[in-house]
Amino acid sequence: LGAIAVFPGARKPQEDGTFLQDCFVLPDGSTAEDF
């Protein structure tokens, strides 16, 4: 299918300690705006 996995995130955990909570599968060729 040619899908890719992308993490929404930051360099360090949030104040509550959460970090890289999500990982989403998107179509190949997805842009930053698509995301």
PDB file of all heavy atoms in Angstrom:
ATOM      1  N   LEU A   1       0.827  -1.207   0.000  1.00  0.00           N
ATOM      2  CA  LEU A   1       0.000   0.000   0.000  1.00  0.00           C
ATOM      3  C   LEU A   1       0.859   1.254   0.000  1.00  0.00           C
ATOM      4  O   LEU A   1       0.434   2.314  -0.468  1.00  0.00           O
ATOM      5  CB  LEU A   1      -0.934  -0.005   1.209  1.00  0.00           C
ATOM      6  CG  LEU A   1      -2.061   1.027   1.224  1.00  0.00           C
ATOM      7  CD1 LEU A   1      -2.984   0.838   0.013  1.00  0.00           C
ATOM      8  CD2 LEU A   1      -2.873   0.923   2.507  1.00  0.00           C
ATOM      9  N   GLY A   2       2.085   1.147   0.510  1.00  0.00           N
ATOM     10  CA  GLY A   2       2.993   2.287   0.515  1.00  0.00           C
ATOM     11  C   GLY A   2       2.711   3.296   1.609  1.00  0.00           C
ATOM     12  O   GLY A   2       3.053   4.478   1.474  1.00  0.00           O
ATOM     13  N   ALA A   3       2.079   2.862   2.716  1.00  0.00           N
ATOM     14  CA  ALA A   3       1.762   3.781   3.804  1.00  0.00           C
ATOM     15  C   ALA A   3       3.013   4.110   4.620  1.00  0.00           C
ATOM     16  O   ALA A   3       4.038   3.429   4.520  1.00  0.00           O
ATOM     17  CB  ALA A   3       0.688   3.177   4.707  1.00  0.00           C
ATOM     18  N   ILE A   4       2.921   5.175   5.418  1.00  0.00           N
ATOM     19  CA  ILE A   4       4.007   5.569   6.310  1.00  0.00           C
ATOM     20  C   ILE A   4       3.439   5.794   7.710  1.00  0.00           C
ATOM     21  O   ILE A   4       2.248   6.057   7.876  1.00  0.00           O
ATOM     22  CB  ILE A   4       4.724   6.848   5.835  1.00  0.00           C
ATOM     23  CG1 ILE A   4       3.747   8.030   5.762  1.00  0.00           C
ATOM     24  CG2 ILE A   4       5.396   6.623   4.486  1.00  0.00           C
ATOM     25  CD1 ILE A   4       4.399   9.362   5.468  1.00  0.00           C
ATOM     26  N   ALA A   5       4.299   5.665   8.719  1.00  0.00           N
ATOM     27  CA  ALA A   5       3.909   5.942  10.097  1.00  0.00           C
ATOM     28  C   ALA A   5       4.558   7.254  10.532  1.00  0.00           C
ATOM     29  O   ALA A   5       5.738   7.485  10.272  1.00  0.00           O
ATOM     30  CB  ALA A   5       4.336   4.813  11.017  1.00  0.00           C
ATOM     31  N   VAL A   6       3.773   8.121  11.188  1.00  0.00           N
ATOM     32  CA  VAL A   6       4.265   9.438  11.611  1.00  0.00           C
ATOM     33  C   VAL A   6       3.892   9.664  13.078  1.00  0.00           C
ATOM     34  O   VAL A   6       2.767   9.385  13.493  1.00  0.00           O
ATOM     35  CB  VAL A   6       3.681  10.566  10.737  1.00  0.00           C
ATOM     36  CG1 VAL A   6       4.191  11.925  11.201  1.00  0.00           C
ATOM     37  CG2 VAL A   6       4.018  10.345   9.264  1.00  0.00           C
ATOM     38  N   PHE A   7       4.852  10.187  13.854  1.00  0.00           N
ATOM     39  CA  PHE A   7       4.625  10.518  15.256  1.00  0.00           C
ATOM     40  C   PHE A   7       4.374  12.018  15.401  1.00  0.00           C
ATOM     41  O   PHE A   7       5.206  12.822  14.970  1.00  0.00           O
ATOM     42  CB  PHE A   7       5.861  10.190  16.102  1.00  0.00           C
ATOM     43  CG  PHE A   7       6.235   8.739  16.168  1.00  0.00           C
ATOM     44  CD1 PHE A   7       7.050   8.181  15.183  1.00  0.00           C
ATOM     45  CD2 PHE A   7       5.815   7.942  17.219  1.00  0.00           C
ATOM     46  CE1 PHE A   7       7.427   6.855  15.250  1.00  0.00           C
ATOM     47  CE2 PHE A   7       6.186   6.610  17.294  1.00  0.00           C
ATOM     48  CZ  PHE A   7       6.990   6.059  16.315  1.00  0.00           C
ATOM     49  N   PRO A   8       3.262  12.430  15.997  1.00  0.00           N
ATOM     50  CA  PRO A   8       3.144  13.832  16.395  1.00  0.00           C
ATOM     51  C   PRO A   8       3.844  13.978  17.746  1.00  0.00           C
ATOM     52  O   PRO A   8       3.594  13.197  18.661  1.00  0.00           O
ATOM     53  CB  PRO A   8       1.635  14.046  16.524  1.00  0.00           C
ATOM     54  CG  PRO A   8       1.076  12.691  16.799  1.00  0.00           C
ATOM     55  CD  PRO A   8       2.026  11.681  16.219  1.00  0.00           C
ATOM     56  N   GLY A   9       4.750  14.944  17.868  1.00  0.00           N
ATOM     57  CA  GLY A   9       5.446  14.998  19.138  1.00  0.00           C
ATOM     58  C   GLY A   9       6.355  16.182  19.299  1.00  0.00           C
ATOM     59  O   GLY A   9       6.418  17.082  18.456  1.00  0.00           O
ATOM     60  N   ALA A  10       7.093  16.178  20.406  1.00  0.00           N
ATOM     61  CA  ALA A  10       8.041  17.231  20.737  1.00  0.00           C
ATOM     62  C   ALA A  10       9.314  16.589  21.273  1.00  0.00           C
ATOM     63  O   ALA A  10       9.394  15.367  21.407  1.00  0.00           O
ATOM     64  CB  ALA A  10       7.435  18.167  21.773  1.00  0.00           C
ATOM     65  N   ARG A  11      10.314  17.423  21.586  1.00  0.00           N
ATOM     66  CA  ARG A  11      11.615  16.907  22.014  1.00  0.00           C
ATOM     67  C   ARG A  11      11.613  16.385  23.448  1.00  0.00           C
ATOM     68  O   ARG A  11      12.472  15.601  23.824  1.00  0.00           O
ATOM     69  CB  ARG A  11      12.680  17.997  21.884  1.00  0.00           C
ATOM     70  CG  ARG A  11      13.163  18.214  20.460  1.00  0.00           C
ATOM     71  CD  ARG A  11      14.330  19.169  20.437  1.00  0.00           C
ATOM     72  NE  ARG A  11      14.925  19.232  19.099  1.00  0.00           N
ATOM     73  CZ  ARG A  11      15.843  18.390  18.658  1.00  0.00           C
ATOM     74  NH1 ARG A  11      16.263  17.407  19.433  1.00  0.00           N
ATOM     75  NH2 ARG A  11      16.340  18.516  17.448  1.00  0.00           N
ATOM     76  N   LYS A  12      10.669  16.821  24.247  1.00  0.00           N
ATOM     77  CA  LYS A  12      10.655  16.388  25.640  1.00  0.00           C
ATOM     78  C   LYS A  12       9.225  16.140  26.092  1.00  0.00           C
ATOM     79  O   LYS A  12       8.267  16.628  25.480  1.00  0.00           O
ATOM     80  CB  LYS A  12      11.318  17.443  26.533  1.00  0.00           C
ATOM     81  CG  LYS A  12      10.660  18.818  26.494  1.00  0.00           C
ATOM     82  CD  LYS A  12      11.427  19.812  27.349  1.00  0.00           C
ATOM     83  CE  LYS A  12      10.773  21.193  27.315  1.00  0.00           C
ATOM     84  NZ  LYS A  12      11.504  22.164  28.162  1.00  0.00           N
ATOM     85  N   PRO A  13       9.043  15.374  27.182  1.00  0.00           N
ATOM     86  CA  PRO A  13       7.693  15.057  27.654  1.00  0.00           C
ATOM     87  C   PRO A  13       6.916  16.298  28.074  1.00  0.00           C
ATOM     88  O   PRO A  13       7.483  17.349  28.401  1.00  0.00           O
ATOM     89  CB  PRO A  13       7.954  14.146  28.861  1.00  0.00           C
ATOM     90  CG  PRO A  13       9.325  13.594  28.639  1.00  0.00           C
ATOM     91  CD  PRO A  13      10.087  14.679  27.942  1.00  0.00           C
ATOM     92  N   GLN A  14       5.588  16.176  28.059  1.00  0.00           N
ATOM     93  CA  GLN A  14       4.717  17.218  28.578  1.00  0.00           C
ATOM     94  C   GLN A  14       4.876  17.297  30.103  1.00  0.00           C
ATOM     95  O   GLN A  14       5.520  16.450  30.719  1.00  0.00           O
ATOM     96  CB  GLN A  14       3.255  16.910  28.215  1.00  0.00           C
ATOM     97  CG  GLN A  14       2.993  16.769  26.728  1.00  0.00           C
ATOM     98  CD  GLN A  14       3.189  18.070  25.977  1.00  0.00           C
ATOM     99  OE1 GLN A  14       2.767  19.125  26.429  1.00  0.00           O
ATOM    100  NE2 GLN A  14       3.841  17.994  24.819  1.00  0.00           N
ATOM    101  N   GLU A  15       4.257  18.301  30.694  1.00  0.00           N
ATOM    102  CA  GLU A  15       4.362  18.468  32.142  1.00  0.00           C
ATOM    103  C   GLU A  15       3.818  17.266  32.903  1.00  0.00           C
ATOM    104  O   GLU A  15       4.260  16.978  34.012  1.00  0.00           O
ATOM    105  CB  GLU A  15       3.628  19.749  32.572  1.00  0.00           C
ATOM    106  CG  GLU A  15       4.318  21.029  32.093  1.00  0.00           C
ATOM    107  CD  GLU A  15       3.619  22.269  32.589  1.00  0.00           C
ATOM    108  OE1 GLU A  15       2.611  22.131  33.337  1.00  0.00           O
ATOM    109  OE2 GLU A  15       4.062  23.380  32.245  1.00  0.00           O
ATOM    110  N   ASP A  16       2.838  16.578  32.303  1.00  0.00           N
ATOM    111  CA  ASP A  16       2.283  15.399  32.981  1.00  0.00           C
ATOM    112  C   ASP A  16       3.087  14.141  32.709  1.00  0.00           C
ATOM    113  O   ASP A  16       2.705  13.045  33.122  1.00  0.00           O
ATOM    114  CB  ASP A  16       0.822  15.189  32.581  1.00  0.00           C
ATOM    115  CG  ASP A  16       0.658  14.937  31.079  1.00  0.00           C
ATOM    116  OD1 ASP A  16       1.676  14.913  30.360  1.00  0.00           O
ATOM    117  OD2 ASP A  16      -0.492  14.778  30.631  1.00  0.00           O
ATOM    118  N   GLY A  17       4.197  14.270  31.982  1.00  0.00           N
ATOM    119  CA  GLY A  17       5.068  13.126  31.733  1.00  0.00           C
ATOM    120  C   GLY A  17       4.767  12.351  30.471  1.00  0.00           C
ATOM    121  O   GLY A  17       5.483  11.414  30.129  1.00  0.00           O
ATOM    122  N   THR A  18       3.701  12.726  29.753  1.00  0.00           N
ATOM    123  CA  THR A  18       3.359  12.006  28.529  1.00  0.00           C
ATOM    124  C   THR A  18       4.322  12.381  27.399  1.00  0.00           C
ATOM    125  O   THR A  18       4.779  13.517  27.307  1.00  0.00           O
ATOM    126  CB  THR A  18       1.918  12.318  28.099  1.00  0.00           C
ATOM    127  OG1 THR A  18       1.776  13.731  27.907  1.00  0.00           O
ATOM    128  CG2 THR A  18       0.932  11.842  29.160  1.00  0.00           C
ATOM    129  N   PHE A  19       4.594  11.385  26.533  1.00  0.00           N
ATOM    130  CA  PHE A  19       5.556  11.611  25.448  1.00  0.00           C
ATOM    131  C   PHE A  19       5.261  10.669  24.298  1.00  0.00           C
ATOM    132  O   PHE A  19       5.058   9.469  24.494  1.00  0.00           O
ATOM    133  CB  PHE A  19       6.980  11.366  25.963  1.00  0.00           C
ATOM    134  CG  PHE A  19       8.047  11.715  24.958  1.00  0.00           C
ATOM    135  CD1 PHE A  19       8.259  13.022  24.569  1.00  0.00           C
ATOM    136  CD2 PHE A  19       8.841  10.718  24.390  1.00  0.00           C
ATOM    137  CE1 PHE A  19       9.260  13.350  23.640  1.00  0.00           C
ATOM    138  CE2 PHE A  19       9.831  11.021  23.464  1.00  0.00           C
ATOM    139  CZ  PHE A  19      10.038  12.347  23.091  1.00  0.00           C
ATOM    140  N   LEU A  20       5.241  11.233  23.096  1.00  0.00           N
ATOM    141  CA  LEU A  20       4.959  10.454  21.885  1.00  0.00           C
ATOM    142  C   LEU A  20       3.775   9.513  22.108  1.00  0.00           C
ATOM    143  O   LEU A  20       3.872   8.299  21.941  1.00  0.00           O
ATOM    144  CB  LEU A  20       6.192   9.662  21.440  1.00  0.00           C
ATOM    145  CG  LEU A  20       7.375  10.476  20.923  1.00  0.00           C
ATOM    146  CD1 LEU A  20       8.428   9.534  20.350  1.00  0.00           C
ATOM    147  CD2 LEU A  20       6.965  11.489  19.873  1.00  0.00           C
ATOM    148  N   GLN A  21       2.645  10.127  22.461  1.00  0.00           N
ATOM    149  CA  GLN A  21       1.474   9.319  22.782  1.00  0.00           C
ATOM    150  C   GLN A  21       0.874   8.626  21.566  1.00  0.00           C
ATOM    151  O   GLN A  21       0.224   7.591  21.700  1.00  0.00           O
ATOM    152  CB  GLN A  21       0.404  10.202  23.427  1.00  0.00           C
ATOM    153  CG  GLN A  21       0.769  10.704  24.814  1.00  0.00           C
ATOM    154  CD  GLN A  21      -0.325  11.573  25.391  1.00  0.00           C
ATOM    155  OE1 GLN A  21      -0.435  12.747  25.062  1.00  0.00           O
ATOM    156  NE2 GLN A  21      -1.148  10.987  26.242  1.00  0.00           N
ATOM    157  N   ASP A  22       1.078   9.204  20.388  1.00  0.00           N
ATOM    158  CA  ASP A  22       0.410   8.671  19.201  1.00  0.00           C
ATOM    159  C   ASP A  22       1.401   8.353  18.088  1.00  0.00           C
ATOM    160  O   ASP A  22       2.486   8.939  18.003  1.00  0.00           O
ATOM    161  CB  ASP A  22      -0.622   9.675  18.676  1.00  0.00           C
ATOM    162  CG  ASP A  22      -1.749   9.905  19.669  1.00  0.00           C
ATOM    163  OD1 ASP A  22      -2.406   8.919  20.039  1.00  0.00           O
ATOM    164  OD2 ASP A  22      -1.959  11.060  20.071  1.00  0.00           O
ATOM    165  N   CYS A  23       0.988   7.432  17.262  1.00  0.00           N
ATOM    166  CA  CYS A  23       1.693   7.115  16.024  1.00  0.00           C
ATOM    167  C   CYS A  23       0.610   6.761  15.023  1.00  0.00           C
ATOM    168  O   CYS A  23      -0.192   5.851  15.259  1.00  0.00           O
ATOM    169  CB  CYS A  23       2.659   5.953  16.221  1.00  0.00           C
ATOM    170  SG  CYS A  23       3.599   5.527  14.728  1.00  0.00           S
ATOM    171  N   PHE A  24       0.565   7.498  13.918  1.00  0.00           N
ATOM    172  CA  PHE A  24      -0.509   7.334  12.947  1.00  0.00           C
ATOM    173  C   PHE A  24       0.030   6.828  11.608  1.00  0.00           C
ATOM    174  O   PHE A  24       1.146   7.160  11.218  1.00  0.00           O
ATOM    175  CB  PHE A  24      -1.242   8.659  12.730  1.00  0.00           C
ATOM    176  CG  PHE A  24      -1.918   9.195  13.966  1.00  0.00           C
ATOM    177  CD1 PHE A  24      -1.466  10.355  14.572  1.00  0.00           C
ATOM    178  CD2 PHE A  24      -2.993   8.528  14.521  1.00  0.00           C
ATOM    179  CE1 PHE A  24      -2.081  10.858  15.707  1.00  0.00           C
ATOM    180  CE2 PHE A  24      -3.620   9.012  15.660  1.00  0.00           C
ATOM    181  CZ  PHE A  24      -3.168  10.182  16.250  1.00  0.00           C
ATOM    182  N   VAL A  25      -0.802   6.057  10.919  1.00  0.00           N
ATOM    183  CA  VAL A  25      -0.444   5.540   9.599  1.00  0.00           C
ATOM    184  C   VAL A  25      -1.131   6.391   8.540  1.00  0.00           C
ATOM    185  O   VAL A  25      -2.355   6.547   8.547  1.00  0.00           O
ATOM    186  CB  VAL A  25      -0.847   4.063   9.451  1.00  0.00           C
ATOM    187  CG1 VAL A  25      -0.486   3.542   8.064  1.00  0.00           C
ATOM    188  CG2 VAL A  25      -0.152   3.216  10.520  1.00  0.00           C
ATOM    189  N   LEU A  26      -0.322   6.963   7.633  1.00  0.00           N
ATOM    190  CA  LEU A  26      -0.811   7.885   6.604  1.00  0.00           C
ATOM    191  C   LEU A  26      -0.421   7.381   5.214  1.00  0.00           C
ATOM    192  O   LEU A  26       0.506   6.583   5.077  1.00  0.00           O
ATOM    193  CB  LEU A  26      -0.221   9.280   6.800  1.00  0.00           C
ATOM    194  CG  LEU A  26      -0.836  10.209   7.844  1.00  0.00           C
ATOM    195  CD1 LEU A  26      -0.544   9.728   9.252  1.00  0.00           C
ATOM    196  CD2 LEU A  26      -0.296  11.628   7.659  1.00  0.00           C
ATOM    197  N   PRO A  27      -1.074   7.898   4.180  1.00  0.00           N
ATOM    198  CA  PRO A  27      -0.685   7.527   2.810  1.00  0.00           C
ATOM    199  C   PRO A  27       0.705   8.057   2.473  1.00  0.00           C
ATOM    200  O   PRO A  27       1.124   9.113   2.963  1.00  0.00           O
ATOM    201  CB  PRO A  27      -1.747   8.218   1.938  1.00  0.00           C
ATOM    202  CG  PRO A  27      -2.881   8.531   2.853  1.00  0.00           C
ATOM    203  CD  PRO A  27      -2.276   8.760   4.202  1.00  0.00           C
ATOM    204  N   ASP A  28       1.419   7.314   1.657  1.00  0.00           N
ATOM    205  CA  ASP A  28       2.709   7.783   1.153  1.00  0.00           C
ATOM    206  C   ASP A  28       2.490   9.095   0.389  1.00  0.00           C
ATOM    207  O   ASP A  28       1.503   9.259  -0.320  1.00  0.00           O
ATOM    208  CB  ASP A  28       3.316   6.729   0.226  1.00  0.00           C
ATOM    209  CG  ASP A  28       4.712   7.110  -0.228  1.00  0.00           C
ATOM    210  OD1 ASP A  28       5.399   7.826   0.510  1.00  0.00           O
ATOM    211  OD2 ASP A  28       5.111   6.699  -1.337  1.00  0.00           O
ATOM    212  N   GLY A  29       3.423  10.020   0.550  1.00  0.00           N
ATOM    213  CA  GLY A  29       3.291  11.303  -0.118  1.00  0.00           C
ATOM    214  C   GLY A  29       2.556  12.340   0.706  1.00  0.00           C
ATOM    215  O   GLY A  29       2.379  13.481   0.257  1.00  0.00           O
ATOM    216  N   SER A  30       2.121  11.972   1.913  1.00  0.00           N
ATOM    217  CA  SER A  30       1.426  12.929   2.773  1.00  0.00           C
ATOM    218  C   SER A  30       2.357  14.088   3.128  1.00  0.00           C
ATOM    219  O   SER A  30       3.543  13.895   3.401  1.00  0.00           O
ATOM    220  CB  SER A  30       0.953  12.252   4.065  1.00  0.00           C
ATOM    221  OG  SER A  30      -0.054  11.305   3.804  1.00  0.00           O
ATOM    222  N   THR A  31       1.802  15.283   3.121  1.00  0.00           N
ATOM    223  CA  THR A  31       2.579  16.482   3.436  1.00  0.00           C
ATOM    224  C   THR A  31       2.339  16.894   4.891  1.00  0.00           C
ATOM    225  O   THR A  31       1.450  16.349   5.577  1.00  0.00           O
ATOM    226  CB  THR A  31       2.178  17.645   2.527  1.00  0.00           C
ATOM    227  OG1 THR A  31       0.800  17.987   2.806  1.00  0.00           O
ATOM    228  CG2 THR A  31       2.332  17.280   1.056  1.00  0.00           C
ATOM    229  N   ALA A  32       3.110  17.876   5.329  1.00  0.00           N
ATOM    230  CA  ALA A  32       2.931  18.396   6.687  1.00  0.00           C
ATOM    231  C   ALA A  32       1.517  18.930   6.875  1.00  0.00           C
ATOM    232  O   ALA A  32       0.892  18.729   7.921  1.00  0.00           O
ATOM    233  CB  ALA A  32       3.963  19.488   6.955  1.00  0.00           C
ATOM    234  N   GLU A  33       0.990  19.599   5.843  1.00  0.00           N
ATOM    235  CA  GLU A  33      -0.370  20.127   5.939  1.00  0.00           C
ATOM    236  C   GLU A  33      -1.398  18.991   5.953  1.00  0.00           C
ATOM    237  O   GLU A  33      -2.392  19.049   6.684  1.00  0.00           O
ATOM    238  CB  GLU A  33      -0.660  21.082   4.782  1.00  0.00           C
ATOM    239  CG  GLU A  33      -2.008  21.786   4.916  1.00  0.00           C
ATOM    240  CD  GLU A  33      -2.218  22.823   3.826  1.00  0.00           C
ATOM    241  OE1 GLU A  33      -1.787  22.588   2.676  1.00  0.00           O
ATOM    242  OE2 GLU A  33      -2.813  23.873   4.126  1.00  0.00           O
ATOM    243  N   ASP A  34      -1.160  17.949   5.151  1.00  0.00           N
ATOM    244  CA  ASP A  34      -2.048  16.777   5.183  1.00  0.00           C
ATOM    245  C   ASP A  34      -2.105  16.207   6.595  1.00  0.00           C
ATOM    246  O   ASP A  34      -3.175  15.817   7.089  1.00  0.00           O
ATOM    247  CB  ASP A  34      -1.557  15.694   4.222  1.00  0.00           C
ATOM    248  CG  ASP A  34      -1.671  16.085   2.763  1.00  0.00           C
ATOM    249  OD1 ASP A  34      -2.532  16.921   2.440  1.00  0.00           O
ATOM    250  OD2 ASP A  34      -0.875  15.557   1.957  1.00  0.00           O
ATOM    251  N   PHE A  35      -0.952  16.133   7.230  1.00  0.00           N
ATOM    252  CA  PHE A  35      -0.876  15.588   8.576  1.00  0.00           C
ATOM    253  C   PHE A  35      -1.669  16.461   9.549  1.00  0.00           C
ATOM    254  O   PHE A  35      -2.377  15.952  10.426  1.00  0.00           O
ATOM    255  CB  PHE A  35       0.590  15.490   9.011  1.00  0.00           C
ATOM    256  CG  PHE A  35       0.802  14.810  10.335  1.00  0.00           C
ATOM    257  CD1 PHE A  35       0.088  13.686  10.692  1.00  0.00           C
ATOM    258  CD2 PHE A  35       1.743  15.307  11.233  1.00  0.00           C
ATOM    259  CE1 PHE A  35       0.293  13.053  11.920  1.00  0.00           C
ATOM    260  CE2 PHE A  35       1.966  14.688  12.455  1.00  0.00           C
ATOM    261  CZ  PHE A  35       1.234  13.559  12.799  1.00  0.00           C
TER     262      PHE A  35
END
